[in-house]
C-alpha atoms as a PDB file:
ATOM      1  CA  MET A   1     -47.222 -24.995  16.186  1.00  0.00           C
ATOM      2  CA  THR A   2     -44.023 -22.871  16.707  1.00  0.00           C
ATOM      3  CA  GLU A   3     -43.591 -19.635  14.782  1.00  0.00           C
ATOM      4  CA  SER A   4     -40.298 -19.352  12.960  1.00  0.00           C
ATOM      5  CA  ILE A   5     -38.797 -16.003  13.438  1.00  0.00           C
ATOM      6  CA  GLN A   6     -36.860 -14.523  10.620  1.00  0.00           C
ATOM      7  CA  MET A   7     -33.406 -13.736  11.791  1.00  0.00           C
ATOM      8  CA  PRO A   8     -31.768 -10.445  10.915  1.00  0.00           C
ATOM      9  CA  MET A   9     -29.396 -10.542   7.844  1.00  0.00           C
ATOM     10  CA  CYS A  10     -25.576 -10.198   8.386  1.00  0.00           C
ATOM     11  CA  PRO A  11     -24.860  -6.383   7.648  1.00  0.00           C
ATOM     12  CA  MET A  12     -22.093  -7.534   5.047  1.00  0.00           C
ATOM     13  CA  ALA A  13     -24.516 -10.032   3.245  1.00  0.00           C
ATOM     14  CA  GLU A  14     -25.812  -7.219   0.822  1.00  0.00           C
ATOM     15  CA  LYS A  15     -22.277  -6.011   0.084  1.00  0.00           C
ATOM     16  CA  CYS A  16     -20.897  -9.571  -0.374  1.00  0.00           C
ATOM     17  CA  LYS A  17     -24.069 -10.255  -2.616  1.00  0.00           C
ATOM     18  CA  GLY A  18     -23.246  -7.240  -4.810  1.00  0.00           C
ATOM     19  CA  ILE A  19     -19.696  -8.178  -4.981  1.00  0.00           C
ATOM     20  CA  MET A  20     -20.222 -11.723  -6.189  1.00  0.00           C
ATOM     21  CA  GLU A  21     -22.572 -10.430  -8.950  1.00  0.00           C
ATOM     22  CA  LYS A  22     -19.919  -8.416 -10.572  1.00  0.00           C
ATOM     23  CA  PRO A  23     -17.953 -10.531 -13.520  1.00  0.00           C
ATOM     24  CA  PHE A  24     -14.326  -9.471 -12.409  1.00  0.00           C
ATOM     25  CA  SER A  25     -14.693  -9.964  -8.607  1.00  0.00           C
ATOM     26  CA  GLY A  26     -13.822 -13.391  -8.633  1.00  0.00           C
ATOM     27  CA  PHE A  27     -10.965 -13.102 -10.849  1.00  0.00           C
ATOM     28  CA  MET A  28      -9.736 -10.221  -8.769  1.00  0.00           C
ATOM     29  CA  THR A  29      -9.468 -12.384  -5.654  1.00  0.00           C
ATOM     30  CA  VAL A  30      -7.456 -15.114  -7.309  1.00  0.00           C
ATOM     31  CA  ILE A  31      -4.782 -12.635  -8.593  1.00  0.00           C
ATOM     32  CA  PRO A  32      -3.160 -11.892  -5.026  1.00  0.00           C
ATOM     33  CA  GLY A  33      -3.156 -15.917  -4.529  1.00  0.00           C
ATOM     34  CA  ILE A  34      -1.277 -16.352  -7.679  1.00  0.00           C
ATOM     35  CA  PHE A  35       1.137 -13.479  -6.882  1.00  0.00           C
ATOM     36  CA  LEU A  36       1.939 -14.988  -3.552  1.00  0.00           C
ATOM     37  CA  ILE A  37       2.576 -18.567  -4.907  1.00  0.00           C
ATOM     38  CA  VAL A  38       4.955 -17.077  -7.603  1.00  0.00           C
ATOM     39  CA  LEU A  39       6.527 -14.900  -4.964  1.00  0.00           C
ATOM     40  CA  GLY A  40       7.129 -18.178  -2.737  1.00  0.00           C
ATOM     41  CA  VAL A  41       8.543 -20.052  -5.513  1.00  0.00           C
ATOM     42  CA  VAL A  42      10.931 -16.833  -6.524  1.00  0.00           C
ATOM     43  CA  VAL A  43      12.137 -16.930  -2.918  1.00  0.00           C
ATOM     44  CA  PHE A  44      12.576 -20.808  -2.696  1.00  0.00           C
ATOM     45  CA  ILE A  45      14.555 -20.826  -5.931  1.00  0.00           C
ATOM     46  CA  GLU A  46      16.519 -17.497  -4.999  1.00  0.00           C
ATOM     47  CA  PRO A  47      16.526 -16.667  -1.406  1.00  0.00           C
ATOM     48  CA  GLN A  48      18.334 -13.559  -1.700  1.00  0.00           C
ATOM     49  CA  VAL A  49      15.265 -12.292  -3.205  1.00  0.00           C
ATOM     50  CA  LEU A  50      13.681 -12.541   0.474  1.00  0.00           C
ATOM     51  CA  VAL A  51      16.373 -10.234   1.806  1.00  0.00           C
ATOM     52  CA  TRP A  52      15.451  -7.460  -0.877  1.00  0.00           C
ATOM     53  CA  LEU A  53      11.549  -7.686  -0.328  1.00  0.00           C
ATOM     54  CA  ALA A  54      12.507  -7.329   3.405  1.00  0.00           C
ATOM     55  CA  ALA A  55      14.469  -4.140   2.744  1.00  0.00           C
ATOM     56  CA  ALA A  56      11.706  -2.809   0.549  1.00  0.00           C
ATOM     57  CA  VAL A  57       9.175  -3.307   3.002  1.00  0.00           C
ATOM     58  CA  LEU A  58      11.186  -1.647   5.679  1.00  0.00           C
ATOM     59  CA  ILE A  59      11.923   1.343   3.236  1.00  0.00           C
ATOM     60  CA  MET A  60       8.332   2.037   2.389  1.00  0.00           C
ATOM     61  CA  MET A  61       7.477   1.425   6.483  1.00  0.00           C
ATOM     62  CA  GLY A  62       9.969   4.342   7.224  1.00  0.00           C
ATOM     63  CA  ILE A  63       8.608   6.501   4.244  1.00  0.00           C
ATOM     64  CA  ALA A  64       5.065   5.904   5.807  1.00  0.00           C
ATOM     65  CA  THR A  65       6.248   6.816   9.302  1.00  0.00           C
ATOM     66  CA  LEU A  66       7.621  10.173   7.984  1.00  0.00           C
ATOM     67  CA  MET A  67       4.537  10.828   6.321  1.00  0.00           C
ATOM     68  CA  ILE A  68       2.591  10.267   9.178  1.00  0.00           C
ATOM     69  CA  SER A  69       4.533  12.294  11.424  1.00  0.00           C
ATOM     70  CA  ARG A  70       4.495  15.225   9.124  1.00  0.00           C
ATOM     71  CA  PHE A  71       1.019  15.022   9.081  1.00  0.00           C
ATOM     72  CA  ILE A  72       0.595  15.066  12.712  1.00  0.00           C
ATOM     73  CA  ARG A  73       3.015  18.089  13.094  1.00  0.00           C
ATOM     74  CA  GLY A  74       1.125  19.975  10.391  1.00  0.00           C
ATOM     75  CA  SER A  75      -2.268  19.493  12.154  1.00  0.00           C
ATOM     76  CA  ARG A  76      -0.942  20.608  15.552  1.00  0.00           C
ATOM     77  CA  GLU A  77       0.798  23.645  14.132  1.00  0.00           C
ATOM     78  CA  ASP A  78      -2.691  24.801  12.592  1.00  0.00           C
ATOM     79  CA  ASP A  79      -4.138  24.657  16.155  1.00  0.00           C
END
């Protein structure tokens, strides 16, 4: 007879098992989907919202870039 060799488990299997045992983990994965659907409907009804969203994303990216550059400059001055 052939022996069956037990395959090693996926490293994320334990993490996923722990997440699925928590009561609100399933609901927390549904919220972003509902949010994106509602946002899509709002953009479909009022396309100007898309311009505001794009502007908000660009502003946040600019702020994040400034924060990263400040961190890098600060770390170089400490050397």
